[in-house]
Protein backbone atom coordinates (compact mmCIF):
# COMPACT_ATOMS: atom_id res chain seq x y z
CA MET A 1 -10.61 -23.61 3.43
CA LEU A 2 -8.49 -22.30 0.59
CA VAL A 3 -7.24 -18.76 0.83
CA SER A 4 -6.24 -16.62 -2.10
CA PHE A 5 -4.48 -13.31 -2.24
CA ALA A 6 -3.93 -11.10 -5.23
CA PHE A 7 -2.26 -7.81 -5.82
CA VAL A 8 -4.81 -6.19 -8.01
CA THR A 9 -3.07 -2.98 -8.95
CA LEU A 10 0.07 -0.95 -8.58
CA VAL A 11 -0.67 2.53 -9.85
CA ALA A 12 2.19 4.93 -10.25
CA ASN A 13 0.33 7.96 -11.48
CA ALA A 14 -2.87 7.93 -9.42
CA PRO A 15 -3.62 11.24 -7.79
CA ILE A 16 -2.97 11.35 -4.08
CA ALA A 17 -6.68 11.87 -3.46
CA ALA A 18 -7.60 9.08 -5.89
CA PHE A 19 -9.97 7.51 -3.43
CA PRO A 20 -11.51 10.43 -1.48
CA ASP A 21 -14.75 8.58 -0.81
CA ARG A 22 -12.83 5.78 0.86
CA ALA A 23 -10.73 7.71 3.36
CA GLN A 24 -9.83 6.06 6.64
CA ALA A 25 -12.06 6.92 9.54
CA PRO A 26 -10.84 8.66 12.70
CA GLY A 27 -9.30 6.28 15.21
CA ALA A 28 -7.54 4.42 12.42
CA SER A 29 -5.28 1.46 12.96
CA THR A 30 -1.63 1.89 13.82
CA THR A 31 -0.67 1.16 10.19
CA GLN A 32 -1.36 4.80 9.37
CA PRO A 33 1.12 7.65 9.62
CA PRO A 34 0.23 10.09 12.41
CA ALA A 35 -2.81 12.21 11.58
CA ASP A 36 -0.78 15.42 11.69
CA ALA A 37 1.94 14.06 9.35
CA PRO A 38 1.89 15.55 5.87
CA TRP A 39 0.90 13.16 3.09
CA PRO A 40 2.72 12.39 0.99
CA PRO A 41 5.88 13.00 3.01
CA ALA A 42 8.10 15.88 1.88
CA GLY A 43 10.33 15.09 -1.08
CA VAL A 44 8.20 12.23 -2.42
CA LEU A 45 7.53 12.55 -6.15
CA ARG A 46 4.97 11.15 -8.54
CA VAL A 47 5.73 9.19 -11.67
CA GLY A 48 5.62 11.29 -14.82
CA GLN A 49 7.24 14.49 -15.99
CA GLY A 50 10.70 12.96 -16.07
CA VAL A 51 10.20 10.54 -13.16
CA THR A 52 10.24 6.88 -14.22
CA ALA A 53 8.19 4.28 -12.38
CA PRO A 54 9.83 1.77 -10.06
CA ARG A 55 9.51 -1.89 -11.04
CA MET A 56 8.56 -4.57 -8.52
CA ILE A 57 11.33 -7.13 -8.09
CA LYS A 58 9.99 -8.90 -4.98
CA SER A 59 6.33 -9.33 -4.16
CA ALA A 60 4.96 -10.47 -0.82
CA ARG A 61 1.87 -12.32 0.33
CA PRO A 62 0.04 -11.33 3.48
CA ASN A 63 -0.77 -13.69 6.31
CA TYR A 64 -4.56 -13.91 6.35
CA PRO A 65 -5.39 -13.64 10.06
CA PRO A 66 -7.21 -16.83 11.18
CA GLU A 67 -9.87 -14.80 13.00
CA ALA A 68 -10.60 -12.89 9.79
CA MET A 69 -10.87 -16.17 7.86
CA ARG A 70 -13.32 -17.57 10.42
CA ALA A 71 -15.33 -14.34 10.20
CA LYS A 72 -15.21 -14.62 6.37
CA VAL A 73 -13.75 -11.14 5.97
CA GLN A 74 -13.17 -10.73 2.23
CA GLY A 75 -12.43 -7.82 -0.06
CA ARG A 76 -9.65 -5.39 -0.88
CA VAL A 77 -7.43 -3.10 1.12
CA MET A 78 -6.45 0.01 -0.87
CA MET A 79 -3.17 1.63 0.11
CA GLU A 80 -0.70 4.32 -0.88
CA MET A 81 2.97 3.64 -0.30
CA VAL A 82 6.23 5.47 -0.61
CA VAL A 83 8.83 3.54 -2.59
CA GLN A 84 12.15 4.85 -1.27
CA ALA A 85 15.14 5.68 -3.47
CA ASN A 86 16.74 2.39 -2.37
CA GLY A 87 13.73 0.35 -3.56
CA THR A 88 12.28 -0.45 -0.14
CA VAL A 89 8.80 0.57 0.94
CA GLY A 90 8.67 3.36 3.48
CA GLU A 91 5.44 4.82 4.82
CA VAL A 92 2.17 3.13 3.91
CA ARG A 93 -1.27 4.69 4.26
CA VAL A 94 -4.49 2.68 4.16
CA VAL A 95 -6.86 4.56 1.86
CA ARG A 96 -9.75 2.09 2.04
CA SER A 97 -9.89 -0.23 5.00
CA LEU A 98 -11.24 -3.76 4.73
CA ASP A 99 -11.03 -4.67 8.40
CA ARG A 100 -9.49 -3.20 11.52
CA LYS A 101 -11.05 -5.60 14.03
CA PHE A 102 -9.34 -8.81 12.86
CA GLY A 103 -6.07 -7.31 11.59
CA VAL A 104 -6.53 -7.63 7.82
CA ASP A 105 -5.41 -4.04 7.17
CA ASP A 106 -2.29 -4.58 9.28
CA ALA A 107 -1.50 -7.82 7.43
CA ALA A 108 -1.80 -6.01 4.08
CA VAL A 109 0.50 -3.19 5.21
CA LYS A 110 3.05 -5.64 6.59
CA ALA A 111 3.12 -7.51 3.26
CA VAL A 112 3.49 -4.29 1.25
CA LYS A 113 6.46 -3.28 3.42
CA GLU A 114 8.18 -6.54 2.43
CA MET A 115 7.98 -5.70 -1.30
CA ARG A 116 11.10 -4.53 -3.12
CA PHE A 117 11.45 -2.40 -6.25
CA THR A 118 14.02 -1.08 -8.64
CA PRO A 119 14.09 2.60 -7.74
CA ALA A 120 12.21 5.30 -9.58
CA MET A 121 14.58 7.61 -11.45
CA LYS A 122 14.68 11.30 -12.27
CA ASP A 123 17.54 12.68 -14.33
CA GLY A 124 19.55 9.51 -13.65
CA VAL A 125 19.15 9.76 -9.86
CA ALA A 126 17.06 7.39 -7.71
CA VAL A 127 14.12 9.21 -6.07
CA PRO A 128 11.27 8.28 -3.70
CA VAL A 129 7.82 8.03 -5.32
CA LEU A 130 4.21 7.56 -4.29
CA LEU A 131 2.36 4.48 -5.58
CA SER A 132 -1.17 3.21 -5.01
CA THR A 133 -1.91 -0.48 -4.60
CA GLU A 134 -4.73 -2.84 -3.72
CA MET A 135 -4.45 -6.19 -1.99
CA ALA A 136 -7.34 -8.65 -2.22
CA PHE A 137 -8.30 -11.15 0.49
CA ALA A 138 -10.66 -14.00 -0.36
CA ALA A 139 -11.53 -17.22 1.45
CA LYS A 140 -12.48 -20.08 -0.86
């Protein structure tokens, strides 16, 4: 069985509530920030109005969990992530879950956290920003 992964989108200027109809259900996986944590975290900016977008310099591929492959779990995990001022990925929030039972969401979050970026800038200073992304899982 061939497995393919694709990063479909990195969106720098999507509204935080870009996917309100796809919000994570209660009892979400451990990839989510605590329910009482503010989102986005304090001090995180959005691209635009003087804030330049970060640029991906290292992508990452998720490990497709074997149980998910056997169950033919396919589709996209939609996430929001904080790209820190140092270019690493901080907190990640699953906006639309693909699978919690077989660990696909967790695999997507783990891969996103391995990505690296040039930092976003505002007035010549590196700043943390919120980005939206999708990761596709398909068994072929």
